[in-house]
């Protein structure tokens, strides 16, 4: 077997997108709790306890970032289509080259998902007190900064590459099974 045939079934299944997102959020929250425990405790107390904090995380982070994840996966699938990527050479260099093709996608993904994600976050967090000028200044223009870009870059890389590699592993297993089935004397 010299190449992996890509079905991208993992990238196309929304349930896997949810698992990639939840993995990234748990990792992000664990790091935040580890390095700024006192600040996180103060935030939990500010919002009235742990259940209220979890509700804020759900509506302010998980639901909007689910949209982010879906957009990242859609961009990854579009790149597969545009560049006509159907196989990956089964070598370290082949896999590295494949993964490097998606680095620019993840680098510019922020421009695509940010307005959508921030709009959904605004609708969920600020309900029912909507104010267009606050939305425009804080949730849209305020988020187009280098600080916001680099805050998003790490989770985007985690979500994107976790999904890409899980999909590649899934396709590798399928390719290996098919190859073994077609070459029973070798296996």
N, C-alpha and C. Protein backbone atom coordinates (compact mmCIF):
# COMPACT_ATOMS: atom_id res chain seq x y z
N UNK A 1 0.85 -1.16 0.00
CA UNK A 1 0.00 0.00 0.00
C UNK A 1 0.90 1.24 0.00
N UNK A 2 0.75 2.08 -1.01
CA UNK A 2 1.62 3.25 -1.11
C UNK A 2 0.87 4.58 -0.96
N UNK A 3 -0.46 4.54 -0.87
CA UNK A 3 -1.21 5.77 -0.69
C UNK A 3 -2.49 5.52 0.10
N UNK A 4 -2.98 6.59 0.71
CA UNK A 4 -4.23 6.55 1.47
C UNK A 4 -5.29 7.21 0.60
N UNK A 5 -6.38 6.50 0.38
CA UNK A 5 -7.49 7.06 -0.38
C UNK A 5 -8.41 7.81 0.58
N UNK A 6 -8.68 9.06 0.25
CA UNK A 6 -9.44 9.93 1.15
C UNK A 6 -10.93 9.86 0.86
N UNK A 7 -11.69 9.45 1.86
CA UNK A 7 -13.15 9.49 1.75
C UNK A 7 -13.69 10.72 2.49
N UNK A 8 -12.91 11.23 3.43
CA UNK A 8 -13.27 12.39 4.26
C UNK A 8 -14.57 12.20 5.02
N UNK A 9 -14.94 10.96 5.29
CA UNK A 9 -16.20 10.70 6.00
C UNK A 9 -16.18 11.32 7.40
N UNK A 10 -15.03 11.35 8.03
CA UNK A 10 -14.92 11.96 9.35
C UNK A 10 -15.17 13.46 9.27
N UNK A 11 -14.63 14.11 8.25
CA UNK A 11 -14.78 15.56 8.09
C UNK A 11 -16.20 15.95 7.73
N UNK A 12 -16.93 15.04 7.09
CA UNK A 12 -18.28 15.35 6.63
C UNK A 12 -19.36 15.07 7.68
N UNK A 13 -19.02 14.38 8.75
CA UNK A 13 -20.00 13.99 9.76
C UNK A 13 -20.05 15.04 10.87
N UNK A 14 -21.18 15.71 11.07
CA UNK A 14 -21.28 16.76 12.09
C UNK A 14 -21.02 16.27 13.52
N UNK A 15 -21.31 15.00 13.80
CA UNK A 15 -21.08 14.48 15.14
C UNK A 15 -19.59 14.51 15.47
N UNK A 16 -18.75 14.28 14.49
CA UNK A 16 -17.31 14.33 14.72
C UNK A 16 -16.85 15.77 14.94
N UNK A 17 -17.52 16.71 14.29
CA UNK A 17 -17.21 18.12 14.49
C UNK A 17 -17.48 18.51 15.94
N UNK A 18 -18.57 18.02 16.47
CA UNK A 18 -18.91 18.30 17.87
C UNK A 18 -17.85 17.71 18.79
N UNK A 19 -17.41 16.50 18.51
CA UNK A 19 -16.39 15.88 19.37
C UNK A 19 -15.06 16.63 19.27
N UNK A 20 -14.69 17.10 18.07
CA UNK A 20 -13.46 17.88 17.92
C UNK A 20 -13.56 19.18 18.70
N UNK A 21 -14.72 19.84 18.61
CA UNK A 21 -14.92 21.09 19.33
C UNK A 21 -14.86 20.87 20.83
N UNK A 22 -15.58 19.88 21.32
CA UNK A 22 -15.60 19.63 22.77
C UNK A 22 -14.21 19.26 23.29
N UNK A 23 -13.44 18.54 22.49
CA UNK A 23 -12.06 18.22 22.88
C UNK A 23 -11.25 19.50 23.01
N UNK A 24 -11.38 20.39 22.03
CA UNK A 24 -10.64 21.66 22.07
C UNK A 24 -11.08 22.52 23.25
N UNK A 25 -12.38 22.57 23.52
CA UNK A 25 -12.88 23.39 24.64
C UNK A 25 -12.42 22.83 25.98
N UNK A 26 -12.49 21.53 26.14
CA UNK A 26 -12.04 20.93 27.39
C UNK A 26 -10.55 21.20 27.59
N UNK A 27 -9.77 21.07 26.53
CA UNK A 27 -8.34 21.36 26.61
C UNK A 27 -8.09 22.83 26.96
N UNK A 28 -8.80 23.72 26.29
CA UNK A 28 -8.68 25.16 26.54
C UNK A 28 -9.07 25.51 27.97
N UNK A 29 -10.21 25.00 28.43
CA UNK A 29 -10.66 25.28 29.79
C UNK A 29 -9.71 24.67 30.83
N UNK A 30 -9.20 23.48 30.57
CA UNK A 30 -8.27 22.85 31.51
C UNK A 30 -7.01 23.68 31.67
N UNK A 31 -6.49 24.18 30.55
CA UNK A 31 -5.30 25.03 30.61
C UNK A 31 -5.60 26.32 31.36
N UNK A 32 -6.77 26.92 31.07
CA UNK A 32 -7.15 28.15 31.79
C UNK A 32 -7.28 27.91 33.28
N UNK A 33 -7.93 26.81 33.66
CA UNK A 33 -8.09 26.52 35.09
C UNK A 33 -6.73 26.21 35.73
N UNK A 34 -5.85 25.56 35.00
CA UNK A 34 -4.54 25.20 35.53
C UNK A 34 -3.68 26.43 35.80
N UNK A 35 -3.67 27.38 34.86
CA UNK A 35 -2.77 28.52 34.98
C UNK A 35 -3.39 29.74 35.64
N UNK A 36 -4.70 29.79 35.77
CA UNK A 36 -5.32 30.96 36.42
C UNK A 36 -6.51 30.52 37.26
N UNK A 37 -6.23 29.63 38.18
CA UNK A 37 -7.27 29.05 39.02
C UNK A 37 -8.03 30.11 39.81
N UNK A 38 -7.31 31.04 40.44
CA UNK A 38 -7.96 32.06 41.26
C UNK A 38 -8.89 32.94 40.42
N UNK A 39 -8.43 33.31 39.23
CA UNK A 39 -9.25 34.14 38.34
C UNK A 39 -10.50 33.39 37.89
N UNK A 40 -10.38 32.10 37.58
CA UNK A 40 -11.54 31.31 37.16
C UNK A 40 -12.53 31.14 38.32
N UNK A 41 -12.04 30.95 39.53
CA UNK A 41 -12.93 30.86 40.70
C UNK A 41 -13.68 32.17 40.88
N UNK A 42 -12.99 33.30 40.68
CA UNK A 42 -13.64 34.62 40.79
C UNK A 42 -14.72 34.77 39.72
N UNK A 43 -14.47 34.26 38.52
CA UNK A 43 -15.47 34.33 37.44
C UNK A 43 -16.68 33.48 37.80
N UNK A 44 -16.45 32.28 38.31
CA UNK A 44 -17.56 31.40 38.72
C UNK A 44 -18.39 32.08 39.80
N UNK A 45 -17.74 32.69 40.77
CA UNK A 45 -18.47 33.39 41.84
C UNK A 45 -19.21 34.60 41.29
N UNK A 46 -18.61 35.31 40.34
CA UNK A 46 -19.25 36.49 39.75
C UNK A 46 -20.56 36.12 39.05
N UNK A 47 -20.60 34.96 38.43
CA UNK A 47 -21.80 34.54 37.71
C UNK A 47 -22.78 33.75 38.57
N UNK A 48 -22.50 33.62 39.86
CA UNK A 48 -23.47 33.04 40.77
C UNK A 48 -23.31 31.55 41.02
N UNK A 49 -22.19 31.01 40.72
CA UNK A 49 -21.96 29.60 40.98
C UNK A 49 -21.64 28.82 39.72
N UNK A 50 -21.32 27.56 39.94
CA UNK A 50 -20.87 26.71 38.85
C UNK A 50 -21.95 26.45 37.79
N UNK A 51 -23.22 26.19 38.15
CA UNK A 51 -24.24 25.97 37.11
C UNK A 51 -24.43 27.20 36.21
N UNK A 52 -24.42 28.39 36.80
CA UNK A 52 -24.56 29.60 35.99
C UNK A 52 -23.35 29.81 35.09
N UNK A 53 -22.17 29.48 35.61
CA UNK A 53 -20.95 29.57 34.81
C UNK A 53 -21.03 28.60 33.62
N UNK A 54 -21.48 27.38 33.87
CA UNK A 54 -21.62 26.39 32.79
C UNK A 54 -22.62 26.85 31.74
N UNK A 55 -23.70 27.48 32.17
CA UNK A 55 -24.69 28.01 31.23
C UNK A 55 -24.07 29.11 30.36
N UNK A 56 -23.25 29.96 30.97
CA UNK A 56 -22.55 31.00 30.21
C UNK A 56 -21.58 30.38 29.21
N UNK A 57 -20.85 29.36 29.63
CA UNK A 57 -19.92 28.68 28.73
C UNK A 57 -20.69 28.06 27.56
N UNK A 58 -21.85 27.47 27.84
CA UNK A 58 -22.66 26.86 26.79
C UNK A 58 -23.10 27.89 25.76
N UNK A 59 -23.69 28.99 26.21
CA UNK A 59 -24.24 29.97 25.26
C UNK A 59 -23.20 30.95 24.74
N UNK A 60 -22.12 31.17 25.48
CA UNK A 60 -21.11 32.13 25.05
C UNK A 60 -19.91 31.52 24.37
N UNK A 61 -19.71 30.21 24.56
CA UNK A 61 -18.54 29.58 23.96
C UNK A 61 -18.92 28.37 23.11
N UNK A 62 -19.59 27.39 23.68
CA UNK A 62 -19.79 26.13 22.97
C UNK A 62 -20.66 26.30 21.74
N UNK A 63 -21.81 26.92 21.87
CA UNK A 63 -22.71 27.06 20.71
C UNK A 63 -22.09 27.93 19.61
N UNK A 64 -21.55 29.12 19.93
CA UNK A 64 -20.91 29.89 18.86
C UNK A 64 -19.71 29.17 18.24
N UNK A 65 -18.92 28.49 19.06
CA UNK A 65 -17.74 27.82 18.52
C UNK A 65 -18.10 26.56 17.73
N UNK A 66 -19.28 26.04 17.94
CA UNK A 66 -19.75 24.95 17.08
C UNK A 66 -19.86 25.46 15.63
N UNK A 67 -20.34 26.68 15.48
CA UNK A 67 -20.41 27.29 14.15
C UNK A 67 -19.00 27.48 13.60
N UNK A 68 -18.08 27.92 14.44
CA UNK A 68 -16.68 28.06 14.02
C UNK A 68 -16.15 26.73 13.49
N UNK A 69 -16.40 25.66 14.22
CA UNK A 69 -15.93 24.33 13.84
C UNK A 69 -16.52 23.90 12.50
N UNK A 70 -17.80 24.11 12.33
CA UNK A 70 -18.46 23.72 11.08
C UNK A 70 -17.86 24.51 9.91
N UNK A 71 -17.57 25.79 10.11
CA UNK A 71 -16.97 26.59 9.04
C UNK A 71 -15.55 26.12 8.73
N UNK A 72 -14.77 25.80 9.75
CA UNK A 72 -13.41 25.29 9.53
C UNK A 72 -13.45 24.00 8.74
N UNK A 73 -14.34 23.08 9.12
CA UNK A 73 -14.44 21.81 8.40
C UNK A 73 -14.93 22.02 6.97
N UNK A 74 -15.83 22.97 6.77
CA UNK A 74 -16.29 23.28 5.40
C UNK A 74 -15.13 23.82 4.57
N UNK A 75 -14.30 24.67 5.16
CA UNK A 75 -13.13 25.19 4.43
C UNK A 75 -12.15 24.07 4.09
N UNK A 76 -11.93 23.16 5.02
CA UNK A 76 -11.04 22.02 4.76
C UNK A 76 -11.59 21.18 3.61
N UNK A 77 -12.89 20.92 3.63
CA UNK A 77 -13.50 20.15 2.55
C UNK A 77 -13.41 20.89 1.21
N UNK A 78 -13.60 22.21 1.23
CA UNK A 78 -13.47 23.00 0.00
C UNK A 78 -12.06 22.91 -0.58
N UNK A 79 -11.06 22.97 0.28
CA UNK A 79 -9.68 22.86 -0.20
C UNK A 79 -9.44 21.49 -0.82
N UNK A 80 -9.97 20.45 -0.21
CA UNK A 80 -9.87 19.11 -0.82
C UNK A 80 -10.45 19.13 -2.23
N UNK A 81 -11.61 19.76 -2.38
CA UNK A 81 -12.28 19.81 -3.69
C UNK A 81 -11.51 20.68 -4.67
N UNK A 82 -11.15 21.90 -4.26
CA UNK A 82 -10.46 22.84 -5.15
C UNK A 82 -9.11 22.31 -5.62
N UNK A 83 -8.36 21.69 -4.71
CA UNK A 83 -7.03 21.18 -5.06
C UNK A 83 -7.07 19.74 -5.56
N UNK A 84 -8.26 19.18 -5.63
CA UNK A 84 -8.46 17.79 -6.09
C UNK A 84 -7.56 16.80 -5.34
N UNK A 85 -7.66 16.87 -4.04
CA UNK A 85 -6.88 15.97 -3.18
C UNK A 85 -7.73 14.73 -2.92
N UNK A 86 -7.32 13.63 -3.52
CA UNK A 86 -8.07 12.37 -3.37
C UNK A 86 -7.25 11.30 -2.66
N UNK A 87 -5.93 11.47 -2.66
CA UNK A 87 -5.05 10.50 -2.01
C UNK A 87 -3.92 11.24 -1.31
N UNK A 88 -3.30 10.53 -0.38
CA UNK A 88 -2.11 11.03 0.31
C UNK A 88 -1.07 9.93 0.24
N UNK A 89 0.14 10.29 -0.17
CA UNK A 89 1.22 9.30 -0.20
C UNK A 89 1.46 8.78 1.21
N UNK A 90 1.62 7.49 1.34
CA UNK A 90 1.83 6.87 2.64
C UNK A 90 3.32 6.92 2.99
N UNK A 91 3.74 8.08 3.43
CA UNK A 91 5.10 8.30 3.92
C UNK A 91 5.04 9.52 4.84
N UNK A 92 6.08 9.67 5.65
CA UNK A 92 6.11 10.82 6.55
C UNK A 92 6.08 12.11 5.75
N UNK A 93 6.82 12.15 4.65
CA UNK A 93 6.87 13.35 3.82
C UNK A 93 5.51 13.60 3.15
N UNK A 94 4.85 12.54 2.70
CA UNK A 94 3.54 12.68 2.07
C UNK A 94 2.50 13.22 3.04
N UNK A 95 2.49 12.71 4.25
CA UNK A 95 1.53 13.17 5.26
C UNK A 95 1.86 14.60 5.69
N UNK A 96 3.16 14.90 5.85
CA UNK A 96 3.56 16.27 6.22
C UNK A 96 3.15 17.27 5.14
N UNK A 97 3.39 16.90 3.89
CA UNK A 97 3.00 17.77 2.78
C UNK A 97 1.49 18.01 2.77
N UNK A 98 0.74 16.93 2.98
CA UNK A 98 -0.72 17.02 3.04
C UNK A 98 -1.16 17.97 4.15
N UNK A 99 -0.57 17.84 5.32
CA UNK A 99 -0.95 18.69 6.44
C UNK A 99 -0.54 20.14 6.23
N UNK A 100 0.61 20.36 5.62
CA UNK A 100 1.05 21.73 5.36
C UNK A 100 0.16 22.45 4.35
N UNK A 101 -0.52 21.69 3.48
CA UNK A 101 -1.46 22.31 2.54
C UNK A 101 -2.59 23.05 3.27
N UNK A 102 -2.90 22.60 4.48
CA UNK A 102 -4.03 23.17 5.22
C UNK A 102 -3.63 24.26 6.21
N UNK A 103 -2.34 24.50 6.36
CA UNK A 103 -1.90 25.56 7.26
C UNK A 103 -2.41 26.94 6.81
N UNK A 104 -2.32 27.30 5.53
CA UNK A 104 -2.89 28.60 5.12
C UNK A 104 -4.40 28.67 5.33
N UNK A 105 -5.09 27.57 5.17
CA UNK A 105 -6.54 27.55 5.39
C UNK A 105 -6.85 27.90 6.83
N UNK A 106 -6.11 27.29 7.74
CA UNK A 106 -6.36 27.55 9.15
C UNK A 106 -5.91 28.95 9.53
N UNK A 107 -4.91 29.47 8.83
CA UNK A 107 -4.43 30.82 9.13
C UNK A 107 -5.44 31.89 8.72
N UNK A 108 -6.21 31.65 7.66
CA UNK A 108 -7.18 32.66 7.20
C UNK A 108 -8.63 32.33 7.59
N UNK A 109 -8.83 31.19 8.22
CA UNK A 109 -10.20 30.79 8.60
C UNK A 109 -10.87 31.84 9.47
N UNK A 110 -10.10 32.52 10.29
CA UNK A 110 -10.62 33.56 11.19
C UNK A 110 -11.45 34.59 10.42
N UNK A 111 -11.00 34.98 9.25
CA UNK A 111 -11.71 35.99 8.45
C UNK A 111 -13.08 35.51 8.02
N UNK A 112 -13.24 34.20 7.87
CA UNK A 112 -14.51 33.63 7.42
C UNK A 112 -15.49 33.41 8.56
N UNK A 113 -15.00 32.84 9.67
CA UNK A 113 -15.94 32.48 10.73
C UNK A 113 -16.18 33.59 11.74
N UNK A 114 -15.25 34.52 11.91
CA UNK A 114 -15.38 35.52 12.96
C UNK A 114 -16.69 36.30 12.92
N UNK A 115 -17.11 36.89 11.79
CA UNK A 115 -18.36 37.65 11.84
C UNK A 115 -19.58 36.79 12.17
N UNK A 116 -19.59 35.56 11.70
CA UNK A 116 -20.73 34.67 11.96
C UNK A 116 -20.73 34.23 13.42
N UNK A 117 -19.58 33.78 13.89
CA UNK A 117 -19.46 33.33 15.28
C UNK A 117 -19.77 34.46 16.26
N UNK A 118 -19.24 35.64 16.00
CA UNK A 118 -19.46 36.75 16.91
C UNK A 118 -20.91 37.22 16.89
N UNK A 119 -21.55 37.15 15.74
CA UNK A 119 -22.97 37.52 15.67
C UNK A 119 -23.82 36.56 16.49
N UNK A 120 -23.54 35.28 16.36
CA UNK A 120 -24.29 34.28 17.14
C UNK A 120 -24.00 34.46 18.63
N UNK A 121 -22.73 34.71 18.98
CA UNK A 121 -22.38 34.94 20.38
C UNK A 121 -23.13 36.16 20.92
N UNK A 122 -23.18 37.22 20.14
CA UNK A 122 -23.90 38.42 20.57
C UNK A 122 -25.37 38.11 20.82
N UNK A 123 -26.00 37.41 19.91
CA UNK A 123 -27.42 37.08 20.06
C UNK A 123 -27.67 36.23 21.29
N UNK A 124 -26.75 35.33 21.61
CA UNK A 124 -26.95 34.42 22.74
C UNK A 124 -26.58 35.05 24.08
N UNK A 125 -25.53 35.86 24.11
CA UNK A 125 -25.05 36.41 25.37
C UNK A 125 -25.81 37.67 25.77
N UNK A 126 -26.12 38.51 24.81
CA UNK A 126 -26.72 39.80 25.13
C UNK A 126 -28.25 39.79 25.15
N UNK A 127 -28.87 38.66 24.90
CA UNK A 127 -30.33 38.57 24.88
C UNK A 127 -30.90 39.04 26.21
N UNK A 128 -31.91 39.81 26.27
CA UNK A 128 -32.71 40.47 25.25
C UNK A 128 -32.31 41.93 25.01
N UNK A 129 -31.17 42.34 25.58
CA UNK A 129 -30.76 43.74 25.51
C UNK A 129 -29.85 43.99 24.31
N UNK A 130 -30.43 44.00 23.11
CA UNK A 130 -29.65 44.19 21.90
C UNK A 130 -29.43 45.67 21.63
N UNK A 131 -28.21 45.99 21.23
CA UNK A 131 -27.84 47.36 20.91
C UNK A 131 -26.89 47.28 19.72
N UNK A 132 -27.30 47.81 18.56
CA UNK A 132 -26.51 47.66 17.34
C UNK A 132 -25.13 48.29 17.46
N UNK A 133 -25.01 49.46 18.04
CA UNK A 133 -23.69 50.10 18.12
C UNK A 133 -22.75 49.29 19.03
N UNK A 134 -23.27 48.73 20.13
CA UNK A 134 -22.46 47.86 21.00
C UNK A 134 -22.03 46.61 20.25
N UNK A 135 -22.97 46.02 19.53
CA UNK A 135 -22.68 44.83 18.70
C UNK A 135 -21.58 45.16 17.71
N UNK A 136 -21.72 46.25 16.98
CA UNK A 136 -20.78 46.61 15.92
C UNK A 136 -19.39 46.89 16.50
N UNK A 137 -19.33 47.66 17.58
CA UNK A 137 -18.04 48.06 18.15
C UNK A 137 -17.37 46.92 18.92
N UNK A 138 -18.14 46.17 19.68
CA UNK A 138 -17.57 45.17 20.57
C UNK A 138 -17.45 43.79 19.92
N UNK A 139 -18.50 43.34 19.29
CA UNK A 139 -18.53 41.97 18.77
C UNK A 139 -17.98 41.84 17.36
N UNK A 140 -18.03 42.89 16.55
CA UNK A 140 -17.49 42.79 15.20
C UNK A 140 -16.16 43.53 15.07
N UNK A 141 -16.17 44.84 15.06
CA UNK A 141 -14.93 45.59 14.89
C UNK A 141 -13.94 45.29 16.01
N UNK A 142 -14.44 45.14 17.21
CA UNK A 142 -13.57 44.88 18.35
C UNK A 142 -12.86 43.53 18.30
N UNK A 143 -13.38 42.62 17.53
CA UNK A 143 -12.76 41.30 17.45
C UNK A 143 -11.79 41.16 16.29
N UNK A 144 -11.75 42.13 15.41
CA UNK A 144 -10.76 42.10 14.33
C UNK A 144 -9.51 42.81 14.80
N UNK A 145 -8.74 42.08 15.59
CA UNK A 145 -7.47 42.59 16.11
C UNK A 145 -6.47 41.45 16.11
N UNK A 146 -5.20 41.80 16.21
CA UNK A 146 -4.17 40.75 16.27
C UNK A 146 -4.34 39.91 17.52
N UNK A 147 -4.74 40.53 18.61
CA UNK A 147 -4.94 39.79 19.86
C UNK A 147 -6.00 38.72 19.69
N UNK A 148 -7.16 39.12 19.14
CA UNK A 148 -8.25 38.15 18.91
C UNK A 148 -7.82 37.08 17.92
N UNK A 149 -7.11 37.48 16.88
CA UNK A 149 -6.64 36.51 15.87
C UNK A 149 -5.77 35.44 16.52
N UNK A 150 -4.80 35.87 17.32
CA UNK A 150 -3.89 34.89 17.93
C UNK A 150 -4.56 34.10 19.05
N UNK A 151 -5.57 34.67 19.71
CA UNK A 151 -6.34 33.88 20.68
C UNK A 151 -7.10 32.76 19.98
N UNK A 152 -7.60 33.04 18.79
CA UNK A 152 -8.34 32.03 18.04
C UNK A 152 -7.43 31.06 17.31
N UNK A 153 -6.23 31.45 16.98
CA UNK A 153 -5.36 30.62 16.16
C UNK A 153 -5.08 29.26 16.79
N UNK A 154 -4.79 29.23 18.08
CA UNK A 154 -4.49 27.95 18.75
C UNK A 154 -5.70 27.01 18.71
N UNK A 155 -6.91 27.46 19.13
CA UNK A 155 -8.06 26.54 19.03
C UNK A 155 -8.37 26.14 17.58
N UNK A 156 -8.19 27.06 16.63
CA UNK A 156 -8.44 26.72 15.23
C UNK A 156 -7.48 25.63 14.77
N UNK A 157 -6.21 25.76 15.13
CA UNK A 157 -5.23 24.74 14.77
C UNK A 157 -5.55 23.40 15.44
N UNK A 158 -5.97 23.46 16.71
CA UNK A 158 -6.32 22.22 17.41
C UNK A 158 -7.53 21.56 16.76
N UNK A 159 -8.59 22.33 16.56
CA UNK A 159 -9.81 21.78 15.96
C UNK A 159 -9.54 21.30 14.53
N UNK A 160 -8.88 22.13 13.75
CA UNK A 160 -8.62 21.80 12.35
C UNK A 160 -7.73 20.58 12.19
N UNK A 161 -6.60 20.58 12.87
CA UNK A 161 -5.67 19.46 12.71
C UNK A 161 -6.14 18.20 13.42
N UNK A 162 -6.86 18.34 14.51
CA UNK A 162 -7.44 17.17 15.15
C UNK A 162 -8.43 16.50 14.19
N UNK A 163 -9.28 17.30 13.59
CA UNK A 163 -10.26 16.76 12.63
C UNK A 163 -9.57 16.18 11.40
N UNK A 164 -8.60 16.91 10.86
CA UNK A 164 -7.89 16.46 9.67
C UNK A 164 -7.16 15.15 9.93
N UNK A 165 -6.49 15.05 11.07
CA UNK A 165 -5.74 13.82 11.39
C UNK A 165 -6.64 12.65 11.75
N UNK A 166 -7.75 12.93 12.43
CA UNK A 166 -8.69 11.84 12.70
C UNK A 166 -9.28 11.31 11.40
N UNK A 167 -9.58 12.21 10.48
CA UNK A 167 -10.10 11.80 9.18
C UNK A 167 -9.05 11.00 8.41
N UNK A 168 -7.81 11.47 8.45
CA UNK A 168 -6.73 10.77 7.76
C UNK A 168 -6.50 9.38 8.36
N UNK A 169 -6.55 9.29 9.68
CA UNK A 169 -6.40 7.99 10.35
C UNK A 169 -7.54 7.05 9.97
N UNK A 170 -8.75 7.57 9.96
CA UNK A 170 -9.92 6.79 9.56
C UNK A 170 -9.77 6.28 8.12
N UNK A 171 -9.33 7.17 7.22
CA UNK A 171 -9.14 6.78 5.82
C UNK A 171 -7.97 5.82 5.66
N UNK A 172 -6.93 5.96 6.49
CA UNK A 172 -5.81 5.03 6.46
C UNK A 172 -6.28 3.62 6.84
N UNK A 173 -7.08 3.53 7.89
CA UNK A 173 -7.59 2.22 8.32
C UNK A 173 -8.44 1.60 7.22
N UNK A 174 -9.31 2.40 6.59
CA UNK A 174 -10.13 1.89 5.48
C UNK A 174 -9.27 1.45 4.31
N UNK A 175 -8.26 2.24 3.97
CA UNK A 175 -7.36 1.90 2.85
C UNK A 175 -6.59 0.63 3.15
N UNK A 176 -6.13 0.48 4.40
CA UNK A 176 -5.38 -0.71 4.79
C UNK A 176 -6.26 -1.96 4.72
N UNK A 177 -7.51 -1.83 5.16
CA UNK A 177 -8.43 -2.97 5.07
C UNK A 177 -8.68 -3.36 3.62
N UNK A 178 -8.94 -2.37 2.78
CA UNK A 178 -9.18 -2.65 1.36
C UNK A 178 -7.95 -3.25 0.70
N UNK A 179 -6.77 -2.76 1.02
CA UNK A 179 -5.55 -3.29 0.45
C UNK A 179 -5.33 -4.73 0.89
N UNK A 180 -5.57 -4.99 2.18
CA UNK A 180 -5.40 -6.35 2.70
C UNK A 180 -6.42 -7.31 2.06
N UNK A 181 -7.64 -6.80 1.85
CA UNK A 181 -8.67 -7.62 1.22
C UNK A 181 -8.30 -7.93 -0.23
N UNK A 182 -7.70 -6.98 -0.91
CA UNK A 182 -7.32 -7.17 -2.32
C UNK A 182 -6.01 -7.94 -2.47
N UNK A 183 -5.21 -8.02 -1.42
CA UNK A 183 -3.93 -8.72 -1.45
C UNK A 183 -3.84 -9.70 -0.30
N UNK A 184 -4.64 -10.74 -0.26
CA UNK A 184 -4.67 -11.64 0.91
C UNK A 184 -3.37 -12.40 1.11
N UNK A 185 -2.59 -12.64 0.06
CA UNK A 185 -1.35 -13.39 0.20
C UNK A 185 -0.29 -12.58 0.94
N UNK A 186 -0.35 -11.24 0.87
CA UNK A 186 0.65 -10.37 1.50
C UNK A 186 0.37 -10.24 2.99
N UNK A 187 -0.92 -10.09 3.39
CA UNK A 187 -1.30 -9.83 4.78
C UNK A 187 -1.22 -11.03 5.61
